N, C-alpha and C. Protein backbone atom coordinates (compact mmCIF):
# COMPACT_ATOMS: atom_id res chain seq x y z
N MET A 1 114.19 86.96 35.36
CA MET A 1 112.67 87.16 35.57
C MET A 1 112.67 88.39 36.69
N GLY A 2 113.62 88.41 37.84
CA GLY A 2 113.59 89.47 38.55
C GLY A 2 112.92 89.13 39.74
N VAL A 3 112.77 87.83 39.98
CA VAL A 3 112.52 87.27 41.17
C VAL A 3 113.15 86.13 41.78
N GLN A 4 113.30 85.94 43.01
CA GLN A 4 114.11 84.90 43.65
C GLN A 4 113.36 83.70 43.57
N LEU A 5 113.96 82.60 42.76
CA LEU A 5 112.96 81.41 42.94
C LEU A 5 113.88 80.18 43.43
N ARG A 6 114.98 80.23 43.74
CA ARG A 6 115.81 79.33 44.23
C ARG A 6 115.45 79.28 45.88
N GLY A 7 116.30 77.91 46.33
CA GLY A 7 116.24 77.84 47.80
C GLY A 7 114.92 76.90 48.17
N ASP A 8 114.88 76.88 49.63
CA ASP A 8 113.59 76.04 49.94
C ASP A 8 112.50 76.02 49.51
N HIS A 9 111.59 74.77 49.70
CA HIS A 9 110.29 74.93 49.03
C HIS A 9 109.45 74.45 50.29
N PRO A 10 108.56 75.38 50.96
CA PRO A 10 108.53 76.94 50.67
C PRO A 10 109.97 77.51 51.18
N PRO A 11 109.89 78.44 50.82
CA PRO A 11 111.11 79.38 51.49
C PRO A 11 111.28 79.38 52.65
N SER A 12 112.55 79.18 53.46
CA SER A 12 112.56 79.13 54.94
C SER A 12 112.47 80.70 55.33
N GLY A 13 112.01 81.03 56.68
CA GLY A 13 112.05 82.39 56.97
C GLY A 13 110.75 83.18 56.74
N LEU A 14 109.74 82.42 55.81
CA LEU A 14 108.69 83.16 55.40
C LEU A 14 107.44 82.78 56.07
N GLN A 15 107.56 82.00 57.38
CA GLN A 15 106.21 81.38 58.09
C GLN A 15 105.66 82.79 58.69
N PRO A 16 104.37 82.84 58.85
CA PRO A 16 103.67 83.70 59.33
C PRO A 16 103.91 83.60 60.91
N VAL A 17 103.86 84.77 61.39
CA VAL A 17 103.90 85.05 62.84
C VAL A 17 102.77 84.50 63.61
N ARG A 18 101.67 84.51 63.26
CA ARG A 18 100.60 83.93 63.76
C ARG A 18 99.96 82.87 62.72
N GLY A 19 99.05 81.92 63.22
CA GLY A 19 98.73 80.92 62.52
C GLY A 19 98.03 81.32 61.27
N PRO A 20 98.07 80.82 60.16
CA PRO A 20 97.55 81.25 58.89
C PRO A 20 95.85 80.95 58.76
N TRP A 21 95.51 80.08 59.65
CA TRP A 21 94.13 79.64 59.53
C TRP A 21 93.20 80.61 59.85
N VAL A 22 92.13 81.18 58.98
CA VAL A 22 91.43 82.33 59.18
C VAL A 22 90.41 81.83 60.22
N ASN A 23 89.77 80.44 60.20
CA ASN A 23 88.81 79.85 61.16
C ASN A 23 89.18 78.80 61.72
N GLY A 24 90.82 78.67 62.09
CA GLY A 24 90.84 77.48 62.88
C GLY A 24 91.63 76.65 61.89
N PRO A 25 92.59 75.82 62.27
CA PRO A 25 93.08 74.61 61.41
C PRO A 25 92.02 73.61 61.08
N PRO A 26 92.18 73.07 59.89
CA PRO A 26 91.24 72.31 59.14
C PRO A 26 91.29 70.92 60.25
N ALA A 27 90.10 70.19 60.09
CA ALA A 27 89.98 68.87 60.87
C ALA A 27 90.78 67.98 60.13
N PRO A 28 91.36 66.98 60.83
CA PRO A 28 92.19 65.75 60.14
C PRO A 28 91.34 65.30 59.03
N GLU A 29 92.03 64.72 58.03
CA GLU A 29 91.47 64.20 57.14
C GLU A 29 92.39 62.79 56.61
N THR A 30 91.76 61.83 55.88
CA THR A 30 92.81 60.77 55.45
C THR A 30 92.94 61.25 54.00
N VAL A 31 94.41 61.05 53.86
CA VAL A 31 94.75 61.24 52.27
C VAL A 31 94.40 60.10 51.30
N THR A 32 93.83 60.42 50.36
CA THR A 32 93.62 59.39 49.62
C THR A 32 94.12 59.90 48.04
N ILE A 33 94.79 59.18 47.46
CA ILE A 33 95.04 59.44 45.99
C ILE A 33 94.43 58.60 45.02
N THR A 34 94.15 59.10 43.82
CA THR A 34 93.65 58.20 42.94
C THR A 34 94.32 58.34 41.66
N ALA A 35 94.06 57.03 40.77
CA ALA A 35 94.66 57.33 39.21
C ALA A 35 94.30 58.59 38.67
N TYR A 36 94.89 59.13 37.69
CA TYR A 36 94.78 60.28 36.87
C TYR A 36 93.27 60.25 36.43
N ASN A 37 92.53 61.04 36.47
CA ASN A 37 91.33 61.29 35.89
C ASN A 37 91.24 62.46 34.90
N PRO A 38 90.89 61.87 33.53
CA PRO A 38 90.75 63.05 32.60
C PRO A 38 89.68 63.97 32.68
N GLY A 39 88.97 63.65 33.58
CA GLY A 39 87.89 64.97 33.83
C GLY A 39 88.49 65.80 34.71
N TRP A 40 89.42 65.96 35.32
CA TRP A 40 90.14 67.03 35.98
C TRP A 40 90.27 68.19 35.21
N PRO A 41 91.05 68.28 33.96
CA PRO A 41 90.97 69.25 33.16
C PRO A 41 89.89 69.94 33.12
N VAL A 42 88.63 69.13 32.80
CA VAL A 42 87.32 69.62 32.21
C VAL A 42 86.84 70.34 33.54
N ARG A 43 87.08 69.77 34.62
CA ARG A 43 86.68 70.65 35.91
C ARG A 43 87.22 71.96 36.08
N TYR A 44 88.51 71.77 35.71
CA TYR A 44 89.39 73.12 35.78
C TYR A 44 89.00 74.17 34.65
N GLN A 45 88.50 73.63 33.31
CA GLN A 45 87.88 74.69 32.67
C GLN A 45 86.39 75.24 33.29
N ALA A 46 85.65 74.40 33.78
CA ALA A 46 84.56 75.06 34.20
C ALA A 46 84.82 76.06 35.37
N LEU A 47 85.62 75.62 36.14
CA LEU A 47 85.85 76.31 37.35
C LEU A 47 86.55 77.67 36.89
N SER A 48 87.47 77.59 35.90
CA SER A 48 88.21 78.95 35.75
C SER A 48 87.32 79.73 35.08
N GLY A 49 86.39 79.33 34.23
CA GLY A 49 85.34 80.18 33.50
C GLY A 49 84.75 80.91 34.52
N GLN A 50 84.12 79.96 35.51
CA GLN A 50 83.49 80.77 36.67
C GLN A 50 84.18 81.82 37.23
N ILE A 51 85.35 81.82 37.69
CA ILE A 51 86.12 82.81 38.27
C ILE A 51 86.28 83.77 37.52
N ARG A 52 86.75 83.75 36.11
CA ARG A 52 86.93 84.62 35.15
C ARG A 52 85.91 85.57 35.04
N SER A 53 84.36 84.92 34.93
CA SER A 53 83.36 85.62 34.66
C SER A 53 82.87 86.44 35.94
N ALA A 54 83.04 85.95 37.23
CA ALA A 54 82.85 86.35 38.15
C ALA A 54 83.87 87.90 38.63
N LEU A 55 85.35 87.46 38.25
CA LEU A 55 85.94 88.76 38.66
C LEU A 55 86.19 89.52 37.38
N GLY A 56 86.02 89.20 36.28
CA GLY A 56 86.25 89.98 35.12
C GLY A 56 87.68 90.40 34.90
N ASP A 57 88.15 91.65 34.67
CA ASP A 57 89.61 92.06 34.58
C ASP A 57 90.09 92.10 35.67
N ARG A 58 89.59 91.67 36.80
CA ARG A 58 90.58 91.82 38.27
C ARG A 58 91.05 90.33 38.40
N ALA A 59 90.72 89.40 37.46
CA ALA A 59 91.46 87.93 37.53
C ALA A 59 92.63 88.21 36.27
N LEU A 60 93.51 88.58 36.85
CA LEU A 60 94.85 88.56 35.87
C LEU A 60 95.39 87.62 35.16
N ASP A 61 95.28 86.39 35.95
CA ASP A 61 95.44 85.14 35.53
C ASP A 61 94.84 84.05 36.14
N VAL A 62 94.42 83.16 35.53
CA VAL A 62 93.99 81.87 36.14
C VAL A 62 94.78 80.60 35.69
N GLU A 63 95.27 79.78 36.52
CA GLU A 63 95.95 78.70 36.07
C GLU A 63 95.53 77.30 36.69
N HIS A 64 95.68 76.01 36.05
CA HIS A 64 95.45 74.90 36.72
C HIS A 64 97.07 74.56 37.22
N MET A 65 97.07 74.17 38.35
CA MET A 65 98.25 73.61 39.21
C MET A 65 98.14 72.46 39.84
N GLY A 66 99.19 72.03 40.47
CA GLY A 66 99.17 70.71 41.18
C GLY A 66 99.03 69.69 40.34
N SER A 67 98.97 68.28 41.06
CA SER A 67 99.15 67.13 40.32
C SER A 67 97.86 67.00 39.23
N THR A 68 96.46 67.26 39.77
CA THR A 68 95.53 67.07 38.52
C THR A 68 95.89 67.78 37.51
N SER A 69 96.73 68.84 37.24
CA SER A 69 96.93 69.50 36.13
C SER A 69 98.09 68.67 35.02
N ILE A 70 98.61 67.46 35.64
CA ILE A 70 99.79 66.92 35.04
C ILE A 70 98.95 65.44 34.72
N GLU A 71 98.83 65.45 33.14
CA GLU A 71 98.17 64.01 32.70
C GLU A 71 99.23 62.88 32.97
N GLY A 72 98.49 61.95 33.43
CA GLY A 72 99.08 60.60 33.84
C GLY A 72 99.59 60.52 35.37
N LEU A 73 99.44 61.54 36.03
CA LEU A 73 100.14 61.41 37.54
C LEU A 73 98.76 61.26 38.53
N VAL A 74 99.31 60.36 39.34
CA VAL A 74 98.13 60.23 40.46
C VAL A 74 97.96 61.53 41.41
N ALA A 75 96.83 61.76 41.71
CA ALA A 75 96.61 62.67 42.86
C ALA A 75 95.58 62.45 43.81
N LYS A 76 95.44 63.50 44.77
CA LYS A 76 94.15 63.59 45.59
C LYS A 76 93.35 64.36 44.49
N ASP A 77 91.92 63.88 44.91
CA ASP A 77 90.87 64.44 43.95
C ASP A 77 90.48 65.97 44.41
N VAL A 78 91.53 66.85 44.05
CA VAL A 78 91.38 68.02 44.38
C VAL A 78 92.01 69.16 43.63
N ILE A 79 91.23 69.96 42.89
CA ILE A 79 91.81 70.66 42.05
C ILE A 79 92.53 71.98 42.44
N ASP A 80 93.62 72.39 42.09
CA ASP A 80 94.34 73.56 42.64
C ASP A 80 94.54 74.29 41.56
N ILE A 81 93.92 75.79 41.86
CA ILE A 81 94.12 76.87 40.93
C ILE A 81 94.98 77.99 41.52
N ASP A 82 95.51 78.44 40.93
CA ASP A 82 96.36 79.83 41.10
C ASP A 82 95.78 81.01 40.72
N LEU A 83 95.26 81.90 41.20
CA LEU A 83 94.73 83.03 40.93
C LEU A 83 95.57 84.47 40.98
N THR A 84 96.11 84.98 39.90
CA THR A 84 96.79 85.92 40.15
C THR A 84 95.78 87.33 40.16
N VAL A 85 95.72 88.30 41.30
CA VAL A 85 95.27 89.53 41.22
C VAL A 85 96.08 90.55 41.37
N ALA A 86 95.62 92.00 41.19
CA ALA A 86 96.59 93.01 41.37
C ALA A 86 97.31 93.11 42.84
N ASP A 87 96.24 92.76 43.80
CA ASP A 87 96.77 93.00 45.08
C ASP A 87 95.99 92.26 45.95
N PRO A 88 96.47 91.04 46.62
CA PRO A 88 96.05 90.07 47.15
C PRO A 88 95.19 90.73 48.52
N ILE A 89 95.89 91.71 49.19
CA ILE A 89 95.80 92.58 50.19
C ILE A 89 94.46 93.17 50.33
N ASP A 90 94.01 93.44 49.12
CA ASP A 90 92.34 94.26 48.74
C ASP A 90 91.68 93.17 48.58
N GLU A 91 91.54 92.41 49.77
CA GLU A 91 90.16 91.51 49.61
C GLU A 91 89.08 91.74 49.10
N ASP A 92 88.61 92.98 49.39
CA ASP A 92 87.09 93.23 48.85
C ASP A 92 87.23 93.27 47.36
N ALA A 93 88.44 93.34 46.76
CA ALA A 93 88.39 93.51 45.18
C ALA A 93 87.95 92.00 44.72
N TYR A 94 88.04 90.84 45.33
CA TYR A 94 87.87 89.75 44.79
C TYR A 94 87.04 88.58 45.74
N LEU A 95 87.01 88.93 47.12
CA LEU A 95 86.39 87.84 48.17
C LEU A 95 85.14 87.69 47.90
N PRO A 96 84.27 89.07 47.75
CA PRO A 96 82.76 88.91 47.83
C PRO A 96 82.51 88.18 46.53
N ALA A 97 82.92 88.39 45.39
CA ALA A 97 82.59 87.72 44.24
C ALA A 97 82.90 86.07 44.18
N LEU A 98 84.13 85.74 44.76
CA LEU A 98 84.37 84.44 44.88
C LEU A 98 83.50 83.71 45.92
N GLY A 99 83.13 84.56 47.06
CA GLY A 99 82.19 84.08 47.98
C GLY A 99 80.74 83.84 47.36
N ARG A 100 80.32 84.37 46.27
CA ARG A 100 79.26 84.03 45.83
C ARG A 100 79.11 82.65 44.76
N LEU A 101 80.34 82.32 44.38
CA LEU A 101 80.45 81.34 43.91
C LEU A 101 80.82 80.09 44.76
N GLY A 102 80.82 80.31 46.22
CA GLY A 102 81.05 79.10 47.14
C GLY A 102 82.23 79.07 47.91
N TYR A 103 83.20 80.01 47.20
CA TYR A 103 84.61 79.85 47.92
C TYR A 103 84.72 80.52 49.15
N VAL A 104 85.45 79.83 50.15
CA VAL A 104 85.51 80.26 51.72
C VAL A 104 86.95 80.59 51.85
N LEU A 105 87.29 81.76 52.39
CA LEU A 105 88.66 82.20 52.83
C LEU A 105 89.24 81.20 53.98
N THR A 106 90.02 80.15 53.66
CA THR A 106 90.57 79.55 54.86
C THR A 106 91.79 80.01 55.33
N VAL A 107 92.90 80.48 54.59
CA VAL A 107 94.18 80.73 54.79
C VAL A 107 94.69 82.24 54.36
N ARG A 108 95.39 82.93 55.20
CA ARG A 108 95.65 84.13 55.01
C ARG A 108 97.32 84.18 55.56
N GLU A 109 98.23 84.48 54.58
CA GLU A 109 99.52 84.30 54.96
C GLU A 109 100.09 85.59 54.58
N PRO A 110 100.08 86.68 55.08
CA PRO A 110 100.84 88.01 54.81
C PRO A 110 102.42 87.88 54.89
N SER A 111 102.83 86.96 55.53
CA SER A 111 104.39 87.00 55.41
C SER A 111 104.99 85.74 54.14
N PHE A 112 103.93 85.21 53.67
CA PHE A 112 104.18 84.33 52.45
C PHE A 112 103.67 84.86 51.31
N HIS A 113 104.14 86.19 50.52
CA HIS A 113 103.83 86.55 49.29
C HIS A 113 102.31 86.90 49.53
N GLU A 114 101.91 87.16 50.68
CA GLU A 114 100.43 87.65 50.78
C GLU A 114 99.38 86.80 50.25
N HIS A 115 99.85 85.56 50.45
CA HIS A 115 98.98 84.29 49.84
C HIS A 115 97.67 83.99 50.71
N ARG A 116 96.75 83.84 49.83
CA ARG A 116 95.40 83.63 50.30
C ARG A 116 94.86 82.29 49.81
N CYS A 117 94.36 81.54 50.64
CA CYS A 117 93.58 80.29 50.14
C CYS A 117 92.42 80.17 50.37
N LEU A 118 91.58 79.73 49.43
CA LEU A 118 90.11 79.73 49.36
C LEU A 118 89.92 78.06 49.42
N LYS A 119 88.71 77.67 49.92
CA LYS A 119 88.18 76.32 49.49
C LYS A 119 86.87 76.39 49.02
N LEU A 120 86.82 75.40 48.19
CA LEU A 120 85.40 75.25 47.62
C LEU A 120 85.05 73.69 47.76
N THR A 121 83.88 73.34 47.96
CA THR A 121 83.64 71.95 48.33
C THR A 121 82.56 71.36 47.71
N ASP A 122 81.89 71.91 47.02
CA ASP A 122 80.64 71.59 45.89
C ASP A 122 80.59 72.56 44.75
N PRO A 123 80.72 71.84 43.48
CA PRO A 123 80.40 70.39 43.39
C PRO A 123 81.77 69.46 43.46
N TRP A 124 82.87 70.50 43.40
CA TRP A 124 84.11 69.60 43.56
C TRP A 124 85.10 69.98 44.66
N VAL A 125 85.95 69.43 45.04
CA VAL A 125 86.92 70.23 46.10
C VAL A 125 88.18 70.73 45.05
N VAL A 126 88.29 71.98 45.56
CA VAL A 126 89.00 73.09 44.92
C VAL A 126 89.89 73.81 46.06
N ASN A 127 91.08 74.01 45.88
CA ASN A 127 91.91 74.75 46.69
C ASN A 127 92.30 75.89 45.50
N LEU A 128 91.90 77.17 45.95
CA LEU A 128 91.97 78.49 45.07
C LEU A 128 93.17 79.13 45.70
N HIS A 129 94.29 79.32 45.28
CA HIS A 129 95.64 79.93 46.00
C HIS A 129 95.63 81.41 45.09
N VAL A 130 95.59 82.50 45.99
CA VAL A 130 95.71 83.76 45.56
C VAL A 130 96.96 84.60 45.59
N PHE A 131 97.67 84.79 44.63
CA PHE A 131 98.68 85.63 44.63
C PHE A 131 98.76 86.97 44.12
N GLY A 132 99.75 87.98 44.00
CA GLY A 132 99.85 88.97 43.22
C GLY A 132 100.85 88.92 42.10
N PRO A 133 100.77 89.87 41.05
CA PRO A 133 101.55 89.73 39.88
C PRO A 133 103.16 89.36 40.07
N ASN A 134 103.58 88.35 39.18
CA ASN A 134 105.17 88.15 39.03
C ASN A 134 105.24 87.48 40.58
N CYS A 135 104.63 86.77 41.36
CA CYS A 135 105.01 86.02 42.58
C CYS A 135 105.73 85.05 42.22
N PRO A 136 106.99 84.86 43.04
CA PRO A 136 108.04 83.52 42.69
C PRO A 136 107.00 82.46 42.91
N GLU A 137 106.20 82.46 43.81
CA GLU A 137 105.68 80.83 44.15
C GLU A 137 104.97 80.52 42.90
N ILE A 138 103.89 81.38 42.27
CA ILE A 138 103.06 81.07 41.06
C ILE A 138 104.20 80.61 40.00
N ILE A 139 105.54 81.33 39.62
CA ILE A 139 106.37 80.96 39.03
C ILE A 139 106.85 79.48 39.08
N ARG A 140 107.30 79.36 40.40
CA ARG A 140 107.81 78.15 40.80
C ARG A 140 106.64 76.82 40.66
N HIS A 141 105.36 77.01 40.88
CA HIS A 141 104.30 76.16 40.68
C HIS A 141 104.40 75.64 39.20
N ARG A 142 104.42 76.66 38.02
CA ARG A 142 104.24 76.71 36.85
C ARG A 142 105.52 76.01 36.14
N MET A 143 106.73 76.33 36.94
CA MET A 143 108.02 75.67 36.30
C MET A 143 107.78 74.02 36.82
N PHE A 144 107.41 73.84 38.09
CA PHE A 144 107.06 72.37 38.70
C PHE A 144 106.37 71.57 37.51
N ARG A 145 104.99 72.14 37.51
CA ARG A 145 104.22 71.51 36.52
C ARG A 145 104.63 71.36 35.44
N ASP A 146 105.19 72.38 34.66
CA ASP A 146 105.63 72.00 33.07
C ASP A 146 106.75 70.96 33.06
N TRP A 147 107.60 70.92 34.14
CA TRP A 147 108.83 70.12 34.25
C TRP A 147 108.47 68.71 34.02
N LEU A 148 107.24 68.37 35.11
CA LEU A 148 106.74 67.04 35.20
C LEU A 148 105.94 66.92 33.82
N ARG A 149 105.34 67.71 33.34
CA ARG A 149 104.68 67.34 32.00
C ARG A 149 105.63 66.81 30.85
N ALA A 150 106.68 67.21 31.01
CA ALA A 150 107.80 66.93 29.84
C ALA A 150 109.04 66.11 30.28
N HIS A 151 108.85 65.59 31.50
CA HIS A 151 109.94 64.75 32.04
C HIS A 151 109.28 63.40 32.71
N PRO A 152 108.80 62.38 32.08
CA PRO A 152 108.17 61.12 32.56
C PRO A 152 108.88 60.36 33.57
N ASP A 153 110.40 60.68 33.57
CA ASP A 153 111.05 59.67 34.72
C ASP A 153 110.80 60.72 35.87
N ASP A 154 110.72 61.88 35.98
CA ASP A 154 110.53 62.69 37.29
C ASP A 154 109.15 62.53 37.73
N ARG A 155 108.31 62.68 36.75
CA ARG A 155 106.83 62.24 37.05
C ARG A 155 106.52 61.07 37.56
N ALA A 156 107.20 59.80 37.20
CA ALA A 156 107.10 58.79 37.79
C ALA A 156 107.87 58.87 39.15
N ARG A 157 108.74 59.47 39.39
CA ARG A 157 109.34 59.22 40.68
C ARG A 157 108.53 60.10 41.72
N TYR A 158 108.17 61.05 41.28
CA TYR A 158 106.86 61.82 42.07
C TYR A 158 105.70 61.02 42.42
N ALA A 159 105.03 60.22 41.39
CA ALA A 159 104.13 59.34 41.66
C ALA A 159 104.45 58.33 42.75
N ASP A 160 105.84 57.79 42.73
CA ASP A 160 106.24 56.99 43.63
C ASP A 160 106.08 57.50 44.99
N ALA A 161 106.72 58.74 45.07
CA ALA A 161 106.85 59.49 46.52
C ALA A 161 105.47 59.60 47.06
N LYS A 162 104.37 60.05 45.86
CA LYS A 162 103.07 60.32 46.64
C LYS A 162 102.64 59.05 47.26
N ARG A 163 102.62 57.78 46.26
CA ARG A 163 102.20 56.67 46.84
C ARG A 163 102.70 56.39 48.34
N ALA A 164 104.17 56.55 48.35
CA ALA A 164 104.91 56.01 49.70
C ALA A 164 104.42 56.84 50.71
N ALA A 165 103.96 58.15 50.34
CA ALA A 165 103.66 58.99 51.45
C ALA A 165 102.47 58.86 52.23
N VAL A 166 101.56 58.33 51.45
CA VAL A 166 100.33 57.90 52.09
C VAL A 166 99.90 57.25 53.23
N PRO A 167 100.90 56.01 53.20
CA PRO A 167 100.63 54.92 54.37
C PRO A 167 101.13 55.41 55.59
N GLY A 168 101.65 56.71 55.59
CA GLY A 168 102.07 57.39 57.14
C GLY A 168 101.26 57.87 57.80
N GLY A 169 99.90 57.92 57.22
CA GLY A 169 98.67 58.44 58.14
C GLY A 169 98.73 59.80 58.43
N GLY A 170 98.02 60.26 59.17
CA GLY A 170 97.84 61.75 59.52
C GLY A 170 97.34 62.91 58.59
N ASN A 171 97.54 63.92 58.64
CA ASN A 171 96.91 65.02 57.85
C ASN A 171 97.71 65.21 56.66
N VAL A 172 97.03 66.09 55.86
CA VAL A 172 97.47 66.61 54.51
C VAL A 172 99.11 67.05 54.82
N MET A 173 99.34 67.82 55.77
CA MET A 173 100.53 68.42 55.95
C MET A 173 101.57 67.44 56.33
N GLY A 174 101.44 66.28 56.99
CA GLY A 174 102.32 65.12 57.24
C GLY A 174 102.46 64.63 55.60
N TYR A 175 101.49 64.47 55.03
CA TYR A 175 101.53 63.90 53.53
C TYR A 175 102.64 64.56 52.60
N ASN A 176 102.30 66.03 52.67
CA ASN A 176 103.28 66.55 52.09
C ASN A 176 104.60 66.80 52.45
N ALA A 177 104.98 66.61 53.73
CA ALA A 177 106.04 66.55 54.52
C ALA A 177 107.10 65.35 53.92
N ARG A 178 106.06 64.29 53.76
CA ARG A 178 106.77 62.83 53.59
C ARG A 178 107.06 62.96 52.09
N LYS A 179 106.98 63.95 51.12
CA LYS A 179 107.09 64.06 49.67
C LYS A 179 108.15 64.92 49.61
N GLN A 180 108.82 65.65 50.57
CA GLN A 180 109.41 66.88 50.44
C GLN A 180 110.79 66.57 49.69
N GLN A 181 111.54 65.34 50.19
CA GLN A 181 112.98 65.15 49.55
C GLN A 181 112.76 65.05 48.07
N VAL A 182 111.73 64.36 47.48
CA VAL A 182 111.71 64.17 46.16
C VAL A 182 111.40 65.33 45.57
N ILE A 183 110.47 66.26 45.93
CA ILE A 183 109.99 67.46 45.39
C ILE A 183 111.49 68.47 45.40
N ARG A 184 112.16 68.29 46.40
CA ARG A 184 113.40 69.03 46.08
C ARG A 184 114.24 68.79 45.37
N GLU A 185 114.54 67.34 45.20
CA GLU A 185 115.55 67.06 44.15
C GLU A 185 114.81 67.26 42.84
N ILE A 186 113.77 67.14 42.62
CA ILE A 186 113.15 67.46 41.30
C ILE A 186 113.34 69.07 41.16
N TYR A 187 113.07 70.02 42.02
CA TYR A 187 113.34 71.27 41.82
C TYR A 187 114.63 71.43 41.69
N ASP A 188 115.99 70.98 42.14
CA ASP A 188 117.06 71.06 42.04
C ASP A 188 117.36 70.72 40.60
N ARG A 189 116.98 69.64 39.89
CA ARG A 189 117.17 69.49 38.62
C ARG A 189 116.50 70.45 37.59
N LEU A 190 115.12 70.80 37.87
CA LEU A 190 114.77 72.02 36.93
C LEU A 190 115.35 73.63 37.06
N PHE A 191 115.74 73.63 38.11
CA PHE A 191 116.42 74.87 38.58
C PHE A 191 117.76 74.94 37.61
N ARG A 192 118.60 73.74 37.73
CA ARG A 192 119.59 73.68 37.18
C ARG A 192 119.70 73.79 35.69
N ALA A 193 118.75 72.95 35.15
CA ALA A 193 118.26 73.06 33.67
C ALA A 193 117.91 74.37 33.22
N ALA A 194 117.20 75.37 34.04
CA ALA A 194 116.95 76.73 33.57
C ALA A 194 118.16 77.57 33.97
N GLY A 195 119.38 77.14 34.24
CA GLY A 195 120.64 77.96 34.80
C GLY A 195 120.44 78.96 35.88
N MET A 196 119.58 78.31 36.73
CA MET A 196 119.13 78.99 38.15
C MET A 196 120.09 78.60 39.30
N LEU A 197 120.70 77.53 39.07
CA LEU A 197 121.76 77.26 40.09
C LEU A 197 123.20 76.77 39.58
């Protein structure tokens, strides 16, 4: 594929020099996960249609990612979407149109594949991740999603890890950190299966 996908998740050495938060870090929130909701893909379809309509051909790709994109998996009630644009640095090409839909830029990470994250809170909570073409992070997201869709044993392991991570309390970052070992083990299996390790 011509991109580096192996290694830590997220890759080490790519942390921003300054904090990534555009308007300061978010307030702490209690992590709650729920049983799979068959309405999640329906929400995604509505959201992706709005994004594509707002951006036209500037939206090179829009994909449903994260746990809500995996049938049967427990998840936070948050739709994660990966948006590919020609150049994430050119914020004027996409931020105004997304802002009119209610999305607010919350994260800017120049040192992490020029990642931008926008948040929508109404009518649903959405994390919209913006990357450029052939970004290894989008490829990794897609590989992880597709692996869990096709491998019920690892999907169950990941669900167990998510349930075990919730009682630790704290914020989303702490919850994510408590899942990391299982996530890395799954990435190891899927990368080996793809002949990448």
